[in-house]
Every structure is written in C-alpha cells, then in structure tokens.
C-alpha cells in the first residue's frame, strides 16, 4: 500500500465513522420514544466512541499501516458500504447496538494493528447484516420487507 493509498484509507475510514455516528444520531432522534433509557445510554456512548475513532483515523492518516494491512484494509473498505446501507434499514435497537459494537471493535483492531480483531469484527459485522436482511425478508420474524 503506497503512502497515498494509506492516507486515503485513513481519511475514508474517518469519514465513514463520522457518517455512521450521524446515522446513529438520526436513528436516536427518530426512535427516541421507543428506546429504553439503557439503550439510549448505550447508543449515545457508542456514538461518542465512533466520533472519537473518526478523529483518530483522520489524525493517523499518514501513519496507519502495518504488515499485511493491505488485505485487512481492503476488507474494511468493502464492508463499509454494506454497513452504511444496513444502518439505514435497521428495524431493531438490538441490531443497531450489536452492529455498532462490532464497528467499534473494528476501529480498535485497526488502530491497534491487530489483524485478528479486524477479521473477527468484520465477521461479526457481516453476520449481523445478514441476520438483519433475513429478518427484513421474513415478515413473521418481526422485520419489514425490503
């Protein structure tokens, strides 16, 4: 990965985390009357963590690289579009909490240069997204059809 590609990845990832934090804020605004105080607290804290990681990625734009990072960063890049789309179609507060927790773990893996944590977080994210899609396609499960 060239220095320019590394910088672009960090910038794009920082912007992704900003967007995700905004989407969580939108979800909270739209569903505030249906969310328990505990869920509200969890999501508010997660939103703060996402903003913090966004700032971290933007500040590490020129130094965020490690052996094998190309493979991990490509996987992260491929997953971000799916995550962004999934957030817009979430039907359950538990889904958003699960997805957000995995995305926060993913950020921790990237910042700490821990390939295992990156991979594990991506697997968790993709399983959650697939579960959400399955629930959306099956009205009896409580999700909406898309």
C-alpha atoms as a PDB file:
ATOM      1  CA  UNK A   1       0.000   0.000   0.000  1.00  0.00           C
ATOM      2  CA  UNK A   2       1.501   3.312  -1.029  1.00  0.00           C
ATOM      3  CA  UNK A   3       1.632   6.288   1.321  1.00  0.00           C
ATOM      4  CA  UNK A   4      -1.106   7.960  -0.712  1.00  0.00           C
ATOM      5  CA  UNK A   5      -3.348   4.860  -0.562  1.00  0.00           C
ATOM      6  CA  UNK A   6      -2.729   4.551   3.169  1.00  0.00           C
ATOM      7  CA  UNK A   7      -3.633   8.191   3.704  1.00  0.00           C
ATOM      8  CA  UNK A   8      -6.752   7.817   1.553  1.00  0.00           C
ATOM      9  CA  UNK A   9      -7.833   4.714   3.503  1.00  0.00           C
ATOM     10  CA  UNK A  10      -7.452   6.502   6.847  1.00  0.00           C
ATOM     11  CA  UNK A  11      -9.320   9.557   5.554  1.00  0.00           C
ATOM     12  CA  UNK A  12     -12.139   7.461   4.055  1.00  0.00           C
ATOM     13  CA  UNK A  13     -12.403   5.401   7.230  1.00  0.00           C
ATOM     14  CA  UNK A  14     -12.532   8.550   9.354  1.00  0.00           C
ATOM     15  CA  UNK A  15     -15.328   9.931   7.177  1.00  0.00           C
ATOM     16  CA  UNK A  16     -17.151   6.577   7.367  1.00  0.00           C
ATOM     17  CA  UNK A  17     -17.076   6.701  11.166  1.00  0.00           C
ATOM     18  CA  UNK A  18     -18.387  10.300  11.065  1.00  0.00           C
ATOM     19  CA  UNK A  19     -21.233   9.202   8.789  1.00  0.00           C
ATOM     20  CA  UNK A  20     -22.055   6.240  10.992  1.00  0.00           C
ATOM     21  CA  UNK A  21     -22.158   8.463  14.090  1.00  0.00           C
ATOM     22  CA  UNK A  22     -24.560  10.788  12.243  1.00  0.00           C
ATOM     23  CA  UNK A  23     -26.759   7.851  11.214  1.00  0.00           C
ATOM     24  CA  UNK A  24     -26.931   6.704  14.838  1.00  0.00           C
ATOM     25  CA  UNK A  25     -27.908  10.228  15.847  1.00  0.00           C
ATOM     26  CA  UNK A  26     -30.661  10.174  13.229  1.00  0.00           C
ATOM     27  CA  UNK A  27     -31.856   6.782  14.472  1.00  0.00           C
ATOM     28  CA  UNK A  28     -31.961   8.087  18.045  1.00  0.00           C
ATOM     29  CA  UNK A  29     -33.955  11.159  17.001  1.00  0.00           C
ATOM     30  CA  UNK A  30     -36.454   9.114  15.020  1.00  0.00           C
ATOM     31  CA  UNK A  31     -36.907   6.430  17.680  1.00  0.00           C
ATOM     32  CA  UNK A  32     -36.353   8.285  20.947  1.00  0.00           C
ATOM     33  CA  UNK A  33     -39.802   7.418  22.300  1.00  0.00           C
ATOM     34  CA  UNK A  34     -39.322   3.708  21.597  1.00  0.00           C
ATOM     35  CA  UNK A  35     -35.874   3.326  23.165  1.00  0.00           C
ATOM     36  CA  UNK A  36     -35.319   2.446  26.809  1.00  0.00           C
ATOM     37  CA  UNK A  37     -33.068   4.689  28.905  1.00  0.00           C
ATOM     38  CA  UNK A  38     -30.442   1.899  28.964  1.00  0.00           C
ATOM     39  CA  UNK A  39     -30.492   1.535  25.162  1.00  0.00           C
ATOM     40  CA  UNK A  40     -30.318   5.308  24.786  1.00  0.00           C
ATOM     41  CA  UNK A  41     -27.285   5.411  27.043  1.00  0.00           C
ATOM     42  CA  UNK A  42     -25.542   2.606  25.121  1.00  0.00           C
ATOM     43  CA  UNK A  43     -26.183   4.204  21.737  1.00  0.00           C
ATOM     44  CA  UNK A  44     -25.174   7.669  22.938  1.00  0.00           C
ATOM     45  CA  UNK A  45     -21.916   6.277  24.296  1.00  0.00           C
ATOM     46  CA  UNK A  46     -21.344   4.346  21.067  1.00  0.00           C
ATOM     47  CA  UNK A  47     -21.955   7.479  19.035  1.00  0.00           C
ATOM     48  CA  UNK A  48     -19.298   9.286  21.080  1.00  0.00           C
ATOM     49  CA  UNK A  49     -16.846   6.408  20.527  1.00  0.00           C
ATOM     50  CA  UNK A  50     -17.495   6.496  16.782  1.00  0.00           C
ATOM     51  CA  UNK A  51     -16.734  10.223  16.677  1.00  0.00           C
ATOM     52  CA  UNK A  52     -13.558   9.643  18.694  1.00  0.00           C
ATOM     53  CA  UNK A  53     -12.417   6.914  16.303  1.00  0.00           C
ATOM     54  CA  UNK A  54     -13.245   9.134  13.347  1.00  0.00           C
ATOM     55  CA  UNK A  55     -10.942  11.793  14.725  1.00  0.00           C
ATOM     56  CA  UNK A  56      -8.285   9.161  15.432  1.00  0.00           C
ATOM     57  CA  UNK A  57      -8.357   7.867  11.859  1.00  0.00           C
ATOM     58  CA  UNK A  58      -8.124  11.366  10.465  1.00  0.00           C
ATOM     59  CA  UNK A  59      -5.158  12.169  12.705  1.00  0.00           C
ATOM     60  CA  UNK A  60      -3.369   8.894  11.826  1.00  0.00           C
ATOM     61  CA  UNK A  61      -3.810   9.360   8.087  1.00  0.00           C
ATOM     62  CA  UNK A  62      -0.086   9.227   7.337  1.00  0.00           C
ATOM     63  CA  UNK A  63       0.975   6.566   9.837  1.00  0.00           C
ATOM     64  CA  UNK A  64      -1.739   3.913   9.745  1.00  0.00           C
ATOM     65  CA  UNK A  65      -0.052   0.889   8.206  1.00  0.00           C
ATOM     66  CA  UNK A  66       1.333  -2.479   9.307  1.00  0.00           C
ATOM     67  CA  UNK A  67       2.460  -5.759   7.774  1.00  0.00           C
ATOM     68  CA  UNK A  68      -0.421  -7.249   5.814  1.00  0.00           C
ATOM     69  CA  UNK A  69      -2.561  -4.161   6.264  1.00  0.00           C
ATOM     70  CA  UNK A  70      -3.471  -4.120   2.559  1.00  0.00           C
ATOM     71  CA  UNK A  71      -5.607  -7.241   2.911  1.00  0.00           C
ATOM     72  CA  UNK A  72      -7.320  -6.032   6.067  1.00  0.00           C
ATOM     73  CA  UNK A  73      -7.875  -2.518   4.745  1.00  0.00           C
ATOM     74  CA  UNK A  74      -9.403  -3.832   1.519  1.00  0.00           C
ATOM     75  CA  UNK A  75     -11.808  -5.962   3.551  1.00  0.00           C
ATOM     76  CA  UNK A  76     -12.733  -2.973   5.700  1.00  0.00           C
ATOM     77  CA  UNK A  77     -13.304  -0.825   2.618  1.00  0.00           C
ATOM     78  CA  UNK A  78     -15.553  -3.493   1.104  1.00  0.00           C
ATOM     79  CA  UNK A  79     -17.588  -3.759   4.320  1.00  0.00           C
ATOM     80  CA  UNK A  80     -18.167  -0.024   4.860  1.00  0.00           C
ATOM     81  CA  UNK A  81     -20.733   0.297   2.064  1.00  0.00           C
ATOM     82  CA  UNK A  82     -22.695  -2.657   3.455  1.00  0.00           C
ATOM     83  CA  UNK A  83     -22.596  -1.186   6.956  1.00  0.00           C
ATOM     84  CA  UNK A  84     -23.752   2.240   5.780  1.00  0.00           C
ATOM     85  CA  UNK A  85     -26.664   0.712   3.877  1.00  0.00           C
ATOM     86  CA  UNK A  86     -27.606  -1.610   6.754  1.00  0.00           C
ATOM     87  CA  UNK A  87     -27.798   1.243   9.272  1.00  0.00           C
ATOM     88  CA  UNK A  88     -30.429   2.952   7.116  1.00  0.00           C
ATOM     89  CA  UNK A  89     -32.646  -0.159   7.250  1.00  0.00           C
ATOM     90  CA  UNK A  90     -32.357  -1.203  10.872  1.00  0.00           C
ATOM     91  CA  UNK A  91     -35.613  -2.285  12.448  1.00  0.00           C
ATOM     92  CA  UNK A  92     -34.402  -3.223  15.927  1.00  0.00           C
ATOM     93  CA  UNK A  93     -32.485  -1.289  18.545  1.00  0.00           C
ATOM     94  CA  UNK A  94     -30.671  -4.529  19.421  1.00  0.00           C
ATOM     95  CA  UNK A  95     -29.435  -4.770  15.825  1.00  0.00           C
ATOM     96  CA  UNK A  96     -28.022  -1.255  15.910  1.00  0.00           C
ATOM     97  CA  UNK A  97     -26.347  -1.887  19.270  1.00  0.00           C
ATOM     98  CA  UNK A  98     -24.808  -5.151  18.005  1.00  0.00           C
ATOM     99  CA  UNK A  99     -23.651  -3.609  14.737  1.00  0.00           C
ATOM    100  CA  UNK A 100     -22.249  -0.509  16.422  1.00  0.00           C
ATOM    101  CA  UNK A 101     -20.355  -2.603  18.969  1.00  0.00           C
ATOM    102  CA  UNK A 102     -18.734  -4.605  16.173  1.00  0.00           C
ATOM    103  CA  UNK A 103     -17.833  -1.443  14.257  1.00  0.00           C
ATOM    104  CA  UNK A 104     -16.217  -0.006  17.382  1.00  0.00           C
ATOM    105  CA  UNK A 105     -14.247  -3.257  17.819  1.00  0.00           C
ATOM    106  CA  UNK A 106     -13.197  -2.965  14.177  1.00  0.00           C
ATOM    107  CA  UNK A 107     -11.823   0.518  14.825  1.00  0.00           C
ATOM    108  CA  UNK A 108      -9.923  -0.790  17.819  1.00  0.00           C
ATOM    109  CA  UNK A 109      -8.415  -3.520  15.660  1.00  0.00           C
ATOM    110  CA  UNK A 110      -7.309  -1.055  13.005  1.00  0.00           C
ATOM    111  CA  UNK A 111      -5.813   1.431  15.441  1.00  0.00           C
ATOM    112  CA  UNK A 112      -4.021  -1.299  17.423  1.00  0.00           C
ATOM    113  CA  UNK A 113      -2.917  -3.023  14.186  1.00  0.00           C
ATOM    114  CA  UNK A 114      -4.494  -6.286  15.356  1.00  0.00           C
ATOM    115  CA  UNK A 115      -5.377  -8.355  12.283  1.00  0.00           C
ATOM    116  CA  UNK A 116      -7.253 -10.961  14.312  1.00  0.00           C
ATOM    117  CA  UNK A 117      -9.510  -8.323  15.858  1.00  0.00           C
ATOM    118  CA  UNK A 118     -10.103  -6.748  12.443  1.00  0.00           C
ATOM    119  CA  UNK A 119     -11.071 -10.114  10.942  1.00  0.00           C
ATOM    120  CA  UNK A 120     -13.250 -11.108  13.897  1.00  0.00           C
ATOM    121  CA  UNK A 121     -15.040  -7.770  13.862  1.00  0.00           C
ATOM    122  CA  UNK A 122     -15.688  -7.995  10.131  1.00  0.00           C
ATOM    123  CA  UNK A 123     -17.147 -11.488  10.533  1.00  0.00           C
ATOM    124  CA  UNK A 124     -19.415 -10.240  13.326  1.00  0.00           C
ATOM    125  CA  UNK A 125     -20.487  -7.224  11.265  1.00  0.00           C
ATOM    126  CA  UNK A 126     -21.316  -9.301   8.201  1.00  0.00           C
ATOM    127  CA  UNK A 127     -23.248 -11.865  10.285  1.00  0.00           C
ATOM    128  CA  UNK A 128     -25.277  -9.091  11.877  1.00  0.00           C
ATOM    129  CA  UNK A 129     -26.031  -7.535   8.487  1.00  0.00           C
ATOM    130  CA  UNK A 130     -27.070 -10.906   7.073  1.00  0.00           C
ATOM    131  CA  UNK A 131     -29.296 -11.556  10.081  1.00  0.00           C
ATOM    132  CA  UNK A 132     -30.917  -8.155   9.601  1.00  0.00           C
ATOM    133  CA  UNK A 133     -31.512  -8.879   5.900  1.00  0.00           C
ATOM    134  CA  UNK A 134     -33.043 -12.255   6.750  1.00  0.00           C
ATOM    135  CA  UNK A 135     -35.359 -10.644   9.309  1.00  0.00           C
ATOM    136  CA  UNK A 136     -36.359  -7.997   6.756  1.00  0.00           C
ATOM    137  CA  UNK A 137     -37.180 -10.629   4.163  1.00  0.00           C
ATOM    138  CA  UNK A 138     -39.246 -12.642   6.643  1.00  0.00           C
ATOM    139  CA  UNK A 139     -42.152 -10.540   7.980  1.00  0.00           C
ATOM    140  CA  UNK A 140     -43.048 -13.220  10.531  1.00  0.00           C
ATOM    141  CA  UNK A 141     -39.683 -12.585  12.232  1.00  0.00           C
ATOM    142  CA  UNK A 142     -40.720  -9.028  13.023  1.00  0.00           C
ATOM    143  CA  UNK A 143     -38.747  -7.214  10.323  1.00  0.00           C
ATOM    144  CA  UNK A 144     -40.080  -5.258   7.406  1.00  0.00           C
ATOM    145  CA  UNK A 145     -39.881  -6.482   3.876  1.00  0.00           C
ATOM    146  CA  UNK A 146     -37.444  -4.538   1.750  1.00  0.00           C
END
